[in-house]
């Protein structure tokens, strides 16, 4: 609904509703035309409540890593007081966009939050798109260890380089070579920031 309609419904002035929007207190967005649209809250019965933990590794040889990842996610969820309703484990490449368990989890309307250890455990690319779609549905993604890198583009670039390096040089040396490339890219990005 438009911000003016929302203000009438809440029995406040338009200026008050506008201040709320500017302060980030409203679930709203602005169209290119300048119109502010306030999202209708989901009815309590339709509101997704479940919390899911999602763990992924790339190969069958990393099964032990998958189990440890799940344990870290369980510990994290318990420390936050989350009531976990679903735990999903998958062995598939992060570059593969046809992972059936992830697709089923993303489309489950009962899941309100998905917790992952790192962004790349969910997907190598498009994390921000999924996060935005979830936000529009009143759902969220939570990452245990957010990335330290300042730019998302650098993270995506590093994911591609790591994947390519592992194919060219083998898994043993791919992380070392990707780390060197990451340092070079970050150094160039820092130089670009300097006026």
Protein backbone atom coordinates (compact mmCIF):
# COMPACT_ATOMS: atom_id res chain seq x y z
CA UNK A 1 0.00 0.00 0.00
CA UNK A 2 1.12 3.60 -0.50
CA UNK A 3 2.67 5.43 2.42
CA UNK A 4 -0.31 7.82 2.54
CA UNK A 5 -2.72 4.88 2.88
CA UNK A 6 -0.53 3.37 5.57
CA UNK A 7 -0.54 6.66 7.50
CA UNK A 8 -4.36 6.78 7.40
CA UNK A 9 -4.61 3.16 8.50
CA UNK A 10 -2.25 3.79 11.43
CA UNK A 11 -4.04 7.06 12.25
CA UNK A 12 -0.85 9.16 12.02
CA UNK A 13 0.14 12.05 9.80
CA UNK A 14 1.92 11.48 6.51
CA UNK A 15 4.99 13.30 7.89
CA UNK A 16 5.18 10.90 10.83
CA UNK A 17 4.92 7.87 8.55
CA UNK A 18 7.58 9.42 6.28
CA UNK A 19 9.91 9.92 9.28
CA UNK A 20 9.36 6.28 10.24
CA UNK A 21 10.27 5.23 6.71
CA UNK A 22 13.40 7.42 6.66
CA UNK A 23 14.47 5.95 10.02
CA UNK A 24 14.08 2.42 8.61
CA UNK A 25 11.23 1.46 10.93
CA UNK A 26 8.89 0.44 8.10
CA UNK A 27 9.10 -2.53 5.78
CA UNK A 28 8.87 -0.33 2.69
CA UNK A 29 10.62 0.57 -0.55
CA UNK A 30 10.58 3.50 -2.96
CA UNK A 31 9.65 3.24 -6.63
CA UNK A 32 11.58 5.10 -9.33
CA UNK A 33 8.69 7.57 -9.44
CA UNK A 34 9.29 8.47 -5.78
CA UNK A 35 6.21 6.69 -4.46
CA UNK A 36 6.85 4.87 -1.20
CA UNK A 37 5.21 1.46 -0.92
CA UNK A 38 4.73 -0.17 2.49
CA UNK A 39 4.59 -3.97 2.38
CA UNK A 40 1.59 -5.56 4.03
CA UNK A 41 2.67 -7.75 6.93
CA UNK A 42 2.00 -11.45 6.50
CA UNK A 43 -0.93 -12.71 8.54
CA UNK A 44 0.26 -14.54 11.66
CA UNK A 45 -1.01 -17.86 10.31
CA UNK A 46 0.93 -17.49 7.04
CA UNK A 47 4.09 -16.08 8.58
CA UNK A 48 6.98 -18.55 8.13
CA UNK A 49 8.38 -19.54 11.52
CA UNK A 50 10.70 -22.49 10.91
CA UNK A 51 14.47 -22.25 11.09
CA UNK A 52 16.58 -24.46 8.84
CA UNK A 53 20.29 -25.21 8.92
CA UNK A 54 21.91 -25.76 5.53
CA UNK A 55 25.32 -27.41 5.17
CA UNK A 56 27.09 -28.24 1.91
CA UNK A 57 30.38 -29.64 0.72
CA UNK A 58 31.55 -30.14 -2.84
CA UNK A 59 32.69 -33.78 -2.89
CA UNK A 60 31.97 -37.12 -1.26
CA UNK A 61 35.50 -37.07 0.16
CA UNK A 62 34.51 -34.12 2.36
CA UNK A 63 31.74 -36.03 4.19
CA UNK A 64 33.56 -35.63 7.53
CA UNK A 65 33.72 -31.87 6.91
CA UNK A 66 29.98 -31.89 6.28
CA UNK A 67 29.31 -33.53 9.63
CA UNK A 68 31.54 -31.01 11.43
CA UNK A 69 29.80 -28.15 9.60
CA UNK A 70 26.41 -29.42 10.80
CA UNK A 71 27.67 -29.62 14.39
CA UNK A 72 28.96 -26.02 14.24
CA UNK A 73 25.60 -24.89 12.86
CA UNK A 74 23.74 -26.72 15.64
CA UNK A 75 25.95 -25.11 18.29
CA UNK A 76 25.45 -21.68 16.74
CA UNK A 77 21.67 -22.14 16.57
CA UNK A 78 21.54 -23.31 20.18
CA UNK A 79 23.59 -20.29 21.32
CA UNK A 80 21.05 -18.02 19.62
CA UNK A 81 18.10 -19.88 21.13
CA UNK A 82 16.78 -21.01 17.73
CA UNK A 83 14.31 -23.88 17.54
CA UNK A 84 15.62 -25.68 14.46
CA UNK A 85 12.89 -27.39 12.44
CA UNK A 86 14.97 -28.74 9.57
CA UNK A 87 18.61 -29.67 8.89
CA UNK A 88 19.60 -30.05 5.25
CA UNK A 89 22.93 -31.59 4.20
CA UNK A 90 24.02 -31.67 0.59
CA UNK A 91 27.04 -32.85 -1.35
CA UNK A 92 27.23 -30.78 -4.53
CA UNK A 93 29.25 -28.01 -6.11
CA UNK A 94 28.36 -24.47 -5.07
CA UNK A 95 28.44 -23.54 -8.75
CA UNK A 96 25.73 -26.11 -9.52
CA UNK A 97 22.35 -24.38 -9.63
CA UNK A 98 20.29 -27.58 -9.76
CA UNK A 99 20.74 -28.82 -6.20
CA UNK A 100 17.42 -30.51 -5.36
CA UNK A 101 17.71 -30.28 -1.57
CA UNK A 102 18.52 -26.56 -1.68
CA UNK A 103 15.72 -25.86 -4.16
CA UNK A 104 13.24 -27.69 -1.95
CA UNK A 105 14.43 -25.74 1.10
CA UNK A 106 14.24 -22.37 -0.66
CA UNK A 107 10.66 -23.01 -1.76
CA UNK A 108 9.43 -24.34 1.60
CA UNK A 109 6.95 -21.70 2.84
CA UNK A 110 7.22 -22.91 6.44
CA UNK A 111 10.91 -21.94 6.68
CA UNK A 112 11.37 -18.36 7.85
CA UNK A 113 15.14 -18.38 8.26
CA UNK A 114 18.00 -20.38 6.77
CA UNK A 115 21.29 -20.41 8.65
CA UNK A 116 24.54 -21.21 6.82
CA UNK A 117 28.14 -21.22 7.95
CA UNK A 118 29.52 -19.15 5.05
CA UNK A 119 27.78 -17.46 2.13
CA UNK A 120 29.42 -19.81 -0.35
CA UNK A 121 27.91 -22.83 1.42
CA UNK A 122 24.51 -21.67 0.14
CA UNK A 123 25.64 -20.50 -3.28
CA UNK A 124 28.78 -19.23 -4.98
CA UNK A 125 26.86 -16.56 -6.89
CA UNK A 126 23.60 -14.70 -6.40
CA UNK A 127 23.50 -14.74 -2.60
CA UNK A 128 22.27 -11.14 -2.52
CA UNK A 129 19.43 -11.98 -4.92
CA UNK A 130 18.23 -14.84 -2.73
CA UNK A 131 18.57 -12.65 0.36
CA UNK A 132 16.47 -9.89 -1.25
CA UNK A 133 13.76 -12.30 -2.36
CA UNK A 134 13.61 -13.76 1.13
CA UNK A 135 13.29 -10.27 2.63
CA UNK A 136 10.34 -9.55 0.36
CA UNK A 137 8.68 -12.73 1.65
CA UNK A 138 9.32 -11.89 5.29
CA UNK A 139 12.05 -14.53 5.47
CA UNK A 140 15.79 -14.22 6.04
CA UNK A 141 19.22 -15.75 5.55
CA UNK A 142 21.74 -15.74 8.37
CA UNK A 143 25.46 -16.33 7.90
CA UNK A 144 27.51 -17.51 10.87
CA UNK A 145 30.75 -16.07 9.52
CA UNK A 146 30.11 -13.05 7.28
CA UNK A 147 32.87 -12.34 4.78
CA UNK A 148 35.62 -9.91 5.67
CA UNK A 149 36.02 -8.69 2.11
CA UNK A 150 34.79 -5.16 1.52
CA UNK A 151 33.35 -5.78 -1.92
CA UNK A 152 30.94 -8.54 -2.91
CA UNK A 153 32.32 -8.48 -6.46
CA UNK A 154 35.72 -9.47 -5.07
CA UNK A 155 34.10 -12.41 -3.24
CA UNK A 156 32.42 -13.59 -6.44
CA UNK A 157 35.66 -13.19 -8.37
CA UNK A 158 37.56 -15.18 -5.74
CA UNK A 159 34.96 -17.96 -5.88
CA UNK A 160 35.44 -18.28 -9.65
CA UNK A 161 39.24 -18.18 -9.35
CA UNK A 162 39.22 -20.80 -6.56
CA UNK A 163 37.01 -23.09 -8.64
CA UNK A 164 39.19 -22.67 -11.73
CA UNK A 165 42.42 -23.08 -9.75
CA UNK A 166 41.15 -26.32 -8.21
CA UNK A 167 40.44 -27.70 -11.67
CA UNK A 168 43.78 -26.60 -13.09
CA UNK A 169 46.15 -27.18 -10.16
CA UNK A 170 44.25 -29.70 -8.07
CA UNK A 171 42.51 -29.06 -4.75
CA UNK A 172 45.69 -29.12 -2.67
CA UNK A 173 47.17 -25.91 -4.09
CA UNK A 174 44.02 -24.12 -5.28
CA UNK A 175 43.36 -22.27 -2.01
CA UNK A 176 46.95 -21.00 -1.84
CA UNK A 177 46.88 -19.71 -5.41
CA UNK A 178 43.41 -18.23 -5.00
CA UNK A 179 44.54 -16.47 -1.81
CA UNK A 180 47.46 -14.88 -3.69
CA UNK A 181 45.09 -13.71 -6.42
CA UNK A 182 42.66 -12.39 -3.79
CA UNK A 183 45.42 -10.33 -2.18
CA UNK A 184 46.35 -8.86 -5.55
CA UNK A 185 42.71 -7.99 -6.34
CA UNK A 186 42.18 -6.41 -2.91
CA UNK A 187 45.38 -4.38 -3.33
CA UNK A 188 44.12 -3.05 -6.67
CA UNK A 189 40.70 -2.28 -5.13
CA UNK A 190 42.39 -0.32 -2.32
CA UNK A 191 44.38 1.66 -4.86
CA UNK A 192 41.15 2.49 -6.70
CA UNK A 193 39.68 3.90 -3.47
CA UNK A 194 42.55 6.33 -2.96
CA UNK A 195 41.70 9.73 -4.55
